Every structure is written in C-alpha cells, then in structure tokens.
C-alpha cells in the first residue's frame, strides 16, 4: 500500500468505527429509558398518592420529578435518533461498495464486529493477518461520503 492508501484506509477505519460507538450509544440509552420508565411508574405508586393527600407540597415535587423524567427521556430519544442516523449512513456507504468481497469484509469487521481471526475463518483465508491485510486494502479503496 502506498502512503496515500494507508492514510485513506486509516480515515475509513476511523469513520466506520463510529458504527460500533453508535451501537453502544443506542443500547446505553435504551437501558436508561427502561430505568426512567420505572422511575415514572414509581412516582404514581400508592405510597406517593397517600403522601400527596397529606401534604400539597409533595404534589409539586412529584410534578417536578415527572417533568424531569420526561425531559431526560426526550434527550435519550434524541441521542438514539442521532446514533441510528450514524449507523444508517455507514450501512449505506457499505452497501455502495461494488466489490462483493470488499463489502463482505467491511461488514464482518465493522457491522458484525468480528475479529480478524473469525473473519479469516469465515472467508477461508489462511490466517488473521491475511484477513487484516485484505480489510485494510478494502478500506483504502472505499469511497467515503463527501470525499
């Protein structure tokens, strides 16, 4: 590989690595949403209802908590949407790769997050270093959006 191809491959590697980060972001936000939903249900629990009758102040606290939970959920939905847009952009770029083998290599490495060894196994290459070399060549040929 020429120096220019190496630089292009490194840029493609960084760009495609955002897929994994976006995937983790989606999962993290979804777990946080589950916790928020649980918190929201607990606000309406019988114990809080009885406390609200005794003291009008708790009602204000409960309402403030509900608003805070709703705002946090909205923020999580925005983060999920942004992460999904990143994933979609990367998936579309991979679909545009014309060479079937290059596309398969990139999908296995960046979408399915497989190791070089498992890719070598699946693609019938002699070893992990051979798979790594072929992936980096494919990255060097890849056309990034906006490039």
N, C-alpha and C. Protein backbone atom coordinates (compact mmCIF):
# COMPACT_ATOMS: atom_id res chain seq x y z
N UNK A 1 0.85 -1.19 0.00
CA UNK A 1 0.00 0.00 0.00
C UNK A 1 0.88 1.24 0.00
N UNK A 2 0.46 2.23 -0.77
CA UNK A 2 1.18 3.50 -0.77
C UNK A 2 0.82 4.27 0.50
N UNK A 3 1.58 5.30 0.78
CA UNK A 3 1.31 6.13 1.95
C UNK A 3 -0.08 6.76 1.87
N UNK A 4 -0.45 7.18 0.67
CA UNK A 4 -1.78 7.78 0.48
C UNK A 4 -2.88 6.76 0.74
N UNK A 5 -2.70 5.53 0.27
CA UNK A 5 -3.69 4.48 0.50
C UNK A 5 -3.80 4.15 1.99
N UNK A 6 -2.66 4.15 2.69
CA UNK A 6 -2.67 3.90 4.13
C UNK A 6 -3.45 4.98 4.87
N UNK A 7 -3.21 6.24 4.48
CA UNK A 7 -3.94 7.34 5.12
C UNK A 7 -5.44 7.23 4.85
N UNK A 8 -5.78 6.89 3.62
CA UNK A 8 -7.18 6.74 3.27
C UNK A 8 -7.81 5.58 4.05
N UNK A 9 -7.07 4.48 4.20
CA UNK A 9 -7.57 3.33 4.95
C UNK A 9 -7.77 3.69 6.42
N UNK A 10 -6.85 4.45 7.00
CA UNK A 10 -6.98 4.87 8.40
C UNK A 10 -8.20 5.76 8.59
N UNK A 11 -8.42 6.67 7.63
CA UNK A 11 -9.59 7.56 7.70
C UNK A 11 -10.88 6.73 7.61
N UNK A 12 -10.91 5.75 6.71
CA UNK A 12 -12.09 4.89 6.58
C UNK A 12 -12.31 4.07 7.85
N UNK A 13 -11.21 3.58 8.43
CA UNK A 13 -11.31 2.81 9.68
C UNK A 13 -11.92 3.66 10.79
N UNK A 14 -11.44 4.89 10.94
CA UNK A 14 -12.00 5.79 11.98
C UNK A 14 -13.47 6.07 11.70
N UNK A 15 -13.80 6.34 10.44
CA UNK A 15 -15.16 6.67 10.06
C UNK A 15 -16.09 5.48 10.33
N UNK A 16 -15.68 4.29 9.94
CA UNK A 16 -16.50 3.10 10.14
C UNK A 16 -16.59 2.69 11.60
N UNK A 17 -15.58 3.00 12.39
CA UNK A 17 -15.59 2.65 13.82
C UNK A 17 -16.68 3.38 14.57
N UNK A 18 -17.21 4.43 13.99
CA UNK A 18 -18.32 5.15 14.62
C UNK A 18 -19.56 4.26 14.72
N UNK A 19 -19.64 3.24 13.86
CA UNK A 19 -20.80 2.33 13.89
C UNK A 19 -20.89 1.65 15.25
N UNK A 20 -19.78 1.11 15.70
CA UNK A 20 -19.76 0.41 17.00
C UNK A 20 -20.12 1.37 18.13
N UNK A 21 -19.55 2.58 18.08
CA UNK A 21 -19.86 3.57 19.11
C UNK A 21 -21.35 3.93 19.10
N UNK A 22 -21.93 4.05 17.90
CA UNK A 22 -23.35 4.36 17.79
C UNK A 22 -24.21 3.21 18.31
N UNK A 23 -23.77 2.01 18.06
CA UNK A 23 -24.48 0.83 18.55
C UNK A 23 -24.49 0.80 20.09
N UNK A 24 -23.35 1.07 20.67
CA UNK A 24 -23.23 1.12 22.14
C UNK A 24 -24.10 2.26 22.69
N UNK A 25 -24.08 3.40 22.02
CA UNK A 25 -24.89 4.55 22.46
C UNK A 25 -26.38 4.19 22.46
N UNK A 26 -26.85 3.52 21.42
CA UNK A 26 -28.26 3.11 21.36
C UNK A 26 -28.61 2.18 22.52
N UNK A 27 -27.78 1.20 22.73
CA UNK A 27 -28.05 0.24 23.81
C UNK A 27 -28.05 0.92 25.18
N UNK A 28 -27.09 1.79 25.40
CA UNK A 28 -26.99 2.50 26.67
C UNK A 28 -28.22 3.37 26.90
N UNK A 29 -28.62 4.11 25.88
CA UNK A 29 -29.79 4.99 26.01
C UNK A 29 -31.06 4.18 26.24
N UNK A 30 -31.19 3.06 25.56
CA UNK A 30 -32.38 2.23 25.75
C UNK A 30 -32.45 1.68 27.16
N UNK A 31 -31.30 1.30 27.73
CA UNK A 31 -31.29 0.83 29.13
C UNK A 31 -31.69 1.97 30.06
N UNK A 32 -31.21 3.17 29.78
CA UNK A 32 -31.55 4.32 30.62
C UNK A 32 -33.03 4.65 30.50
N UNK A 33 -33.60 4.48 29.32
CA UNK A 33 -35.04 4.71 29.15
C UNK A 33 -35.85 3.73 29.99
N UNK A 34 -35.42 2.49 30.04
CA UNK A 34 -36.12 1.50 30.87
C UNK A 34 -36.11 1.95 32.33
N UNK A 35 -34.96 2.44 32.80
CA UNK A 35 -34.86 2.92 34.19
C UNK A 35 -35.77 4.13 34.41
N UNK A 36 -35.81 5.03 33.44
CA UNK A 36 -36.68 6.21 33.57
C UNK A 36 -38.15 5.81 33.62
N UNK A 37 -38.53 4.85 32.79
CA UNK A 37 -39.93 4.39 32.81
C UNK A 37 -40.28 3.79 34.17
N UNK A 38 -39.33 3.08 34.74
CA UNK A 38 -39.54 2.51 36.06
C UNK A 38 -39.71 3.62 37.10
N UNK A 39 -38.86 4.64 36.98
CA UNK A 39 -38.97 5.78 37.91
C UNK A 39 -40.32 6.47 37.74
N UNK A 40 -40.74 6.63 36.49
CA UNK A 40 -42.02 7.30 36.23
C UNK A 40 -43.18 6.51 36.84
N UNK A 41 -43.11 5.18 36.73
CA UNK A 41 -44.17 4.36 37.34
C UNK A 41 -44.16 4.50 38.86
N UNK A 42 -42.97 4.62 39.42
CA UNK A 42 -42.90 4.70 40.88
C UNK A 42 -43.45 6.03 41.40
N UNK A 43 -43.42 7.05 40.59
CA UNK A 43 -43.98 8.34 41.02
C UNK A 43 -45.48 8.20 41.29
N UNK A 44 -46.14 7.37 40.51
CA UNK A 44 -47.58 7.18 40.68
C UNK A 44 -47.92 6.05 41.63
N UNK A 45 -46.96 5.61 42.43
CA UNK A 45 -47.21 4.48 43.33
C UNK A 45 -48.18 4.87 44.45
N UNK A 46 -48.83 3.89 45.08
CA UNK A 46 -49.80 4.17 46.14
C UNK A 46 -49.21 4.98 47.29
N UNK A 47 -47.95 4.72 47.65
CA UNK A 47 -47.34 5.46 48.75
C UNK A 47 -47.27 6.94 48.44
N UNK A 48 -46.88 7.28 47.22
CA UNK A 48 -46.81 8.68 46.84
C UNK A 48 -48.20 9.30 46.80
N UNK A 49 -49.18 8.56 46.36
CA UNK A 49 -50.56 9.08 46.31
C UNK A 49 -51.03 9.46 47.70
N UNK A 50 -50.77 8.63 48.67
CA UNK A 50 -51.20 8.93 50.04
C UNK A 50 -50.43 10.13 50.59
N UNK A 51 -49.17 10.24 50.29
CA UNK A 51 -48.37 11.37 50.76
C UNK A 51 -48.90 12.66 50.15
N UNK A 52 -49.34 12.59 48.90
CA UNK A 52 -49.84 13.77 48.22
C UNK A 52 -51.08 14.31 48.94
N UNK A 53 -51.91 13.43 49.50
CA UNK A 53 -53.11 13.84 50.22
C UNK A 53 -52.72 14.57 51.51
N UNK A 54 -51.69 14.08 52.18
CA UNK A 54 -51.29 14.67 53.45
C UNK A 54 -50.64 16.03 53.25
N UNK A 55 -49.85 16.15 52.22
CA UNK A 55 -49.11 17.40 52.03
C UNK A 55 -49.18 17.83 50.57
N UNK A 56 -49.71 19.02 50.32
CA UNK A 56 -49.80 19.54 48.96
C UNK A 56 -48.44 19.76 48.33
N UNK A 57 -47.42 19.95 49.14
CA UNK A 57 -46.06 20.20 48.65
C UNK A 57 -45.50 19.00 47.87
N UNK A 58 -45.84 17.81 48.28
CA UNK A 58 -45.33 16.61 47.61
C UNK A 58 -45.85 16.57 46.18
N UNK A 59 -47.06 17.05 45.98
CA UNK A 59 -47.62 17.08 44.64
C UNK A 59 -46.73 17.89 43.71
N UNK A 60 -46.22 19.04 44.18
CA UNK A 60 -45.32 19.86 43.38
C UNK A 60 -44.02 19.12 43.10
N UNK A 61 -43.51 18.43 44.09
CA UNK A 61 -42.27 17.67 43.92
C UNK A 61 -42.50 16.54 42.92
N UNK A 62 -43.64 15.88 43.04
CA UNK A 62 -43.97 14.79 42.12
C UNK A 62 -44.07 15.31 40.69
N UNK A 63 -44.72 16.43 40.53
CA UNK A 63 -44.87 17.00 39.20
C UNK A 63 -43.50 17.39 38.64
N UNK A 64 -42.66 17.99 39.46
CA UNK A 64 -41.31 18.38 39.01
C UNK A 64 -40.50 17.15 38.61
N UNK A 65 -40.65 16.08 39.37
CA UNK A 65 -39.94 14.84 39.05
C UNK A 65 -40.43 14.27 37.72
N UNK A 66 -41.74 14.31 37.51
CA UNK A 66 -42.32 13.79 36.25
C UNK A 66 -41.80 14.59 35.06
N UNK A 67 -41.73 15.91 35.22
CA UNK A 67 -41.22 16.76 34.14
C UNK A 67 -39.74 16.45 33.87
N UNK A 68 -38.96 16.30 34.93
CA UNK A 68 -37.54 15.98 34.78
C UNK A 68 -37.35 14.64 34.08
N UNK A 69 -38.18 13.66 34.43
CA UNK A 69 -38.10 12.35 33.79
C UNK A 69 -38.47 12.46 32.31
N UNK A 70 -39.50 13.21 32.00
CA UNK A 70 -39.92 13.38 30.60
C UNK A 70 -38.84 14.08 29.79
N UNK A 71 -38.21 15.09 30.36
CA UNK A 71 -37.12 15.80 29.65
C UNK A 71 -35.93 14.89 29.43
N UNK A 72 -35.59 14.09 30.43
CA UNK A 72 -34.48 13.15 30.28
C UNK A 72 -34.80 12.11 29.20
N UNK A 73 -36.04 11.64 29.17
CA UNK A 73 -36.45 10.67 28.15
C UNK A 73 -36.37 11.29 26.76
N UNK A 74 -36.80 12.55 26.63
CA UNK A 74 -36.71 13.23 25.33
C UNK A 74 -35.25 13.32 24.87
N UNK A 75 -34.35 13.66 25.77
CA UNK A 75 -32.92 13.74 25.44
C UNK A 75 -32.38 12.38 25.01
N UNK A 76 -32.80 11.33 25.68
CA UNK A 76 -32.37 9.98 25.31
C UNK A 76 -32.89 9.60 23.91
N UNK A 77 -34.12 9.98 23.61
CA UNK A 77 -34.67 9.71 22.28
C UNK A 77 -33.88 10.44 21.19
N UNK A 78 -33.45 11.66 21.48
CA UNK A 78 -32.63 12.41 20.52
C UNK A 78 -31.29 11.70 20.31
N UNK A 79 -30.67 11.27 21.39
CA UNK A 79 -29.39 10.57 21.29
C UNK A 79 -29.53 9.27 20.51
N UNK A 80 -30.62 8.54 20.73
CA UNK A 80 -30.87 7.31 19.99
C UNK A 80 -31.05 7.62 18.50
N UNK A 81 -31.83 8.64 18.20
CA UNK A 81 -32.05 9.01 16.80
C UNK A 81 -30.73 9.39 16.12
N UNK A 82 -29.90 10.17 16.80
CA UNK A 82 -28.61 10.57 16.23
C UNK A 82 -27.71 9.36 15.98
N UNK A 83 -27.68 8.44 16.93
CA UNK A 83 -26.86 7.24 16.78
C UNK A 83 -27.38 6.37 15.63
N UNK A 84 -28.68 6.29 15.50
CA UNK A 84 -29.24 5.49 14.41
C UNK A 84 -28.95 6.13 13.05
N UNK A 85 -28.90 7.45 12.99
CA UNK A 85 -28.55 8.13 11.74
C UNK A 85 -27.11 7.81 11.34
N UNK A 86 -26.21 7.78 12.32
CA UNK A 86 -24.82 7.42 12.06
C UNK A 86 -24.76 6.00 11.51
N UNK A 87 -25.45 5.10 12.17
CA UNK A 87 -25.45 3.70 11.72
C UNK A 87 -25.99 3.58 10.30
N UNK A 88 -27.09 4.26 10.01
CA UNK A 88 -27.70 4.19 8.68
C UNK A 88 -26.74 4.75 7.62
N UNK A 89 -26.08 5.84 7.92
CA UNK A 89 -25.13 6.45 6.98
C UNK A 89 -24.00 5.46 6.65
N UNK A 90 -23.50 4.79 7.66
CA UNK A 90 -22.41 3.82 7.47
C UNK A 90 -22.91 2.61 6.69
N UNK A 91 -24.08 2.12 7.04
CA UNK A 91 -24.64 0.97 6.31
C UNK A 91 -24.83 1.29 4.84
N UNK A 92 -25.30 2.50 4.53
CA UNK A 92 -25.49 2.91 3.14
C UNK A 92 -24.16 2.99 2.40
N UNK A 93 -23.14 3.51 3.07
CA UNK A 93 -21.82 3.61 2.43
C UNK A 93 -21.27 2.21 2.14
N UNK A 94 -21.48 1.29 3.06
CA UNK A 94 -21.00 -0.08 2.85
C UNK A 94 -21.76 -0.73 1.69
N UNK A 95 -23.06 -0.48 1.60
CA UNK A 95 -23.85 -1.05 0.50
C UNK A 95 -23.37 -0.56 -0.86
N UNK A 96 -22.77 0.63 -0.90
CA UNK A 96 -22.28 1.19 -2.17
C UNK A 96 -20.95 0.59 -2.62
N UNK A 97 -20.31 -0.22 -1.79
CA UNK A 97 -19.05 -0.85 -2.18
C UNK A 97 -19.37 -1.87 -3.28
N UNK A 98 -18.73 -1.71 -4.41
CA UNK A 98 -19.06 -2.54 -5.57
C UNK A 98 -18.53 -3.96 -5.47
N UNK A 99 -17.34 -4.12 -4.95
CA UNK A 99 -16.74 -5.44 -4.87
C UNK A 99 -17.37 -6.24 -3.73
N UNK A 100 -17.94 -7.38 -4.06
CA UNK A 100 -18.66 -8.20 -3.07
C UNK A 100 -17.75 -8.63 -1.92
N UNK A 101 -16.52 -9.00 -2.24
CA UNK A 101 -15.60 -9.45 -1.19
C UNK A 101 -15.22 -8.31 -0.26
N UNK A 102 -14.94 -7.15 -0.85
CA UNK A 102 -14.62 -5.98 -0.02
C UNK A 102 -15.79 -5.65 0.90
N UNK A 103 -17.00 -5.66 0.32
CA UNK A 103 -18.19 -5.34 1.11
C UNK A 103 -18.36 -6.35 2.25
N UNK A 104 -18.18 -7.63 1.95
CA UNK A 104 -18.31 -8.66 2.99
C UNK A 104 -17.28 -8.47 4.09
N UNK A 105 -16.06 -8.17 3.72
CA UNK A 105 -15.00 -7.95 4.72
C UNK A 105 -15.34 -6.78 5.64
N UNK A 106 -15.76 -5.69 5.04
CA UNK A 106 -16.09 -4.48 5.81
C UNK A 106 -17.30 -4.75 6.72
N UNK A 107 -18.30 -5.43 6.21
CA UNK A 107 -19.48 -5.75 7.04
C UNK A 107 -19.10 -6.62 8.22
N UNK A 108 -18.30 -7.65 7.96
CA UNK A 108 -17.92 -8.54 9.05
C UNK A 108 -17.13 -7.80 10.13
N UNK A 109 -16.24 -6.95 9.70
CA UNK A 109 -15.37 -6.25 10.67
C UNK A 109 -16.11 -5.14 11.40
N UNK A 110 -16.84 -4.31 10.68
CA UNK A 110 -17.39 -3.10 11.29
C UNK A 110 -18.86 -3.20 11.70
N UNK A 111 -19.65 -3.97 10.99
CA UNK A 111 -21.06 -4.10 11.35
C UNK A 111 -21.24 -5.25 12.34
N UNK A 112 -20.62 -6.38 12.06
CA UNK A 112 -20.75 -7.55 12.94
C UNK A 112 -19.67 -7.60 14.01
N UNK A 113 -18.70 -6.68 13.95
CA UNK A 113 -17.65 -6.54 14.97
C UNK A 113 -16.86 -7.84 15.18
N UNK A 114 -16.58 -8.54 14.10
CA UNK A 114 -15.83 -9.79 14.21
C UNK A 114 -14.33 -9.53 14.26
N UNK A 115 -13.63 -10.44 14.89
CA UNK A 115 -12.17 -10.36 14.96
C UNK A 115 -11.58 -10.76 13.61
N UNK A 116 -10.31 -10.40 13.41
CA UNK A 116 -9.63 -10.80 12.17
C UNK A 116 -9.60 -12.32 12.05
N UNK A 117 -9.41 -13.01 13.16
CA UNK A 117 -9.34 -14.47 13.13
C UNK A 117 -10.66 -15.08 12.68
N UNK A 118 -11.77 -14.59 13.21
CA UNK A 118 -13.06 -15.16 12.81
C UNK A 118 -13.40 -14.80 11.36
N UNK A 119 -12.96 -13.61 10.92
CA UNK A 119 -13.17 -13.24 9.51
C UNK A 119 -12.36 -14.16 8.61
N UNK A 120 -11.12 -14.43 9.00
CA UNK A 120 -10.27 -15.34 8.22
C UNK A 120 -10.93 -16.70 8.11
N UNK A 121 -11.49 -17.14 9.20
CA UNK A 121 -12.19 -18.43 9.23
C UNK A 121 -13.39 -18.42 8.27
N UNK A 122 -14.20 -17.40 8.38
CA UNK A 122 -15.42 -17.33 7.58
C UNK A 122 -15.13 -17.13 6.09
N UNK A 123 -14.09 -16.38 5.77
CA UNK A 123 -13.78 -16.07 4.37
C UNK A 123 -12.77 -17.06 3.77
N UNK A 124 -12.39 -18.07 4.55
CA UNK A 124 -11.43 -19.09 4.10
C UNK A 124 -10.06 -18.50 3.76
N UNK A 125 -9.57 -17.59 4.59
CA UNK A 125 -8.22 -17.07 4.45
C UNK A 125 -7.30 -17.90 5.33
N UNK A 126 -6.02 -17.86 5.02
CA UNK A 126 -5.07 -18.71 5.74
C UNK A 126 -4.93 -18.34 7.21
N UNK A 127 -4.98 -17.04 7.53
CA UNK A 127 -4.84 -16.63 8.93
C UNK A 127 -5.37 -15.21 9.13
N UNK A 128 -5.33 -14.78 10.38
CA UNK A 128 -5.87 -13.46 10.74
C UNK A 128 -5.11 -12.32 10.06
N UNK A 129 -3.80 -12.46 9.92
CA UNK A 129 -3.03 -11.37 9.30
C UNK A 129 -3.41 -11.20 7.83
N UNK A 130 -3.77 -12.30 7.17
CA UNK A 130 -4.22 -12.22 5.79
C UNK A 130 -5.56 -11.47 5.72
N UNK A 131 -6.46 -11.78 6.64
CA UNK A 131 -7.76 -11.09 6.69
C UNK A 131 -7.55 -9.60 6.98
N UNK A 132 -6.66 -9.31 7.92
CA UNK A 132 -6.38 -7.91 8.27
C UNK A 132 -5.85 -7.15 7.06
N UNK A 133 -4.91 -7.74 6.34
CA UNK A 133 -4.31 -7.10 5.16
C UNK A 133 -5.38 -6.83 4.10
N UNK A 134 -6.25 -7.80 3.87
CA UNK A 134 -7.31 -7.63 2.86
C UNK A 134 -8.32 -6.56 3.28
N UNK A 135 -8.63 -6.52 4.56
CA UNK A 135 -9.56 -5.49 5.06
C UNK A 135 -8.95 -4.11 4.85
N UNK A 136 -7.68 -3.95 5.18
CA UNK A 136 -7.04 -2.64 5.04
C UNK A 136 -6.94 -2.23 3.57
N UNK A 137 -6.74 -3.18 2.69
CA UNK A 137 -6.75 -2.86 1.25
C UNK A 137 -8.15 -2.41 0.82
N UNK A 138 -9.17 -3.11 1.32
CA UNK A 138 -10.55 -2.74 1.00
C UNK A 138 -10.86 -1.33 1.54
N UNK A 139 -10.36 -1.03 2.74
CA UNK A 139 -10.56 0.30 3.31
C UNK A 139 -9.91 1.37 2.43
N UNK A 140 -8.74 1.06 1.91
CA UNK A 140 -8.03 2.00 1.04
C UNK A 140 -8.78 2.28 -0.25
N UNK A 141 -9.60 1.34 -0.69
CA UNK A 141 -10.38 1.51 -1.93
C UNK A 141 -11.75 2.12 -1.66
N UNK A 142 -12.16 2.16 -0.42
CA UNK A 142 -13.52 2.61 -0.08
C UNK A 142 -13.69 4.11 -0.31
N UNK A 143 -14.84 4.46 -0.86
CA UNK A 143 -15.19 5.87 -1.07
C UNK A 143 -16.06 6.33 0.09
N UNK A 144 -15.54 7.26 0.89
CA UNK A 144 -16.30 7.81 1.99
C UNK A 144 -17.24 8.90 1.51
N UNK A 145 -18.41 9.03 2.14
CA UNK A 145 -19.32 10.11 1.76
C UNK A 145 -18.64 11.47 1.92
N UNK A 146 -18.83 12.31 0.93
CA UNK A 146 -18.26 13.66 1.00
C UNK A 146 -16.81 13.72 0.60
N UNK A 147 -16.21 12.59 0.25
CA UNK A 147 -14.79 12.60 -0.12
C UNK A 147 -14.63 12.68 -1.62
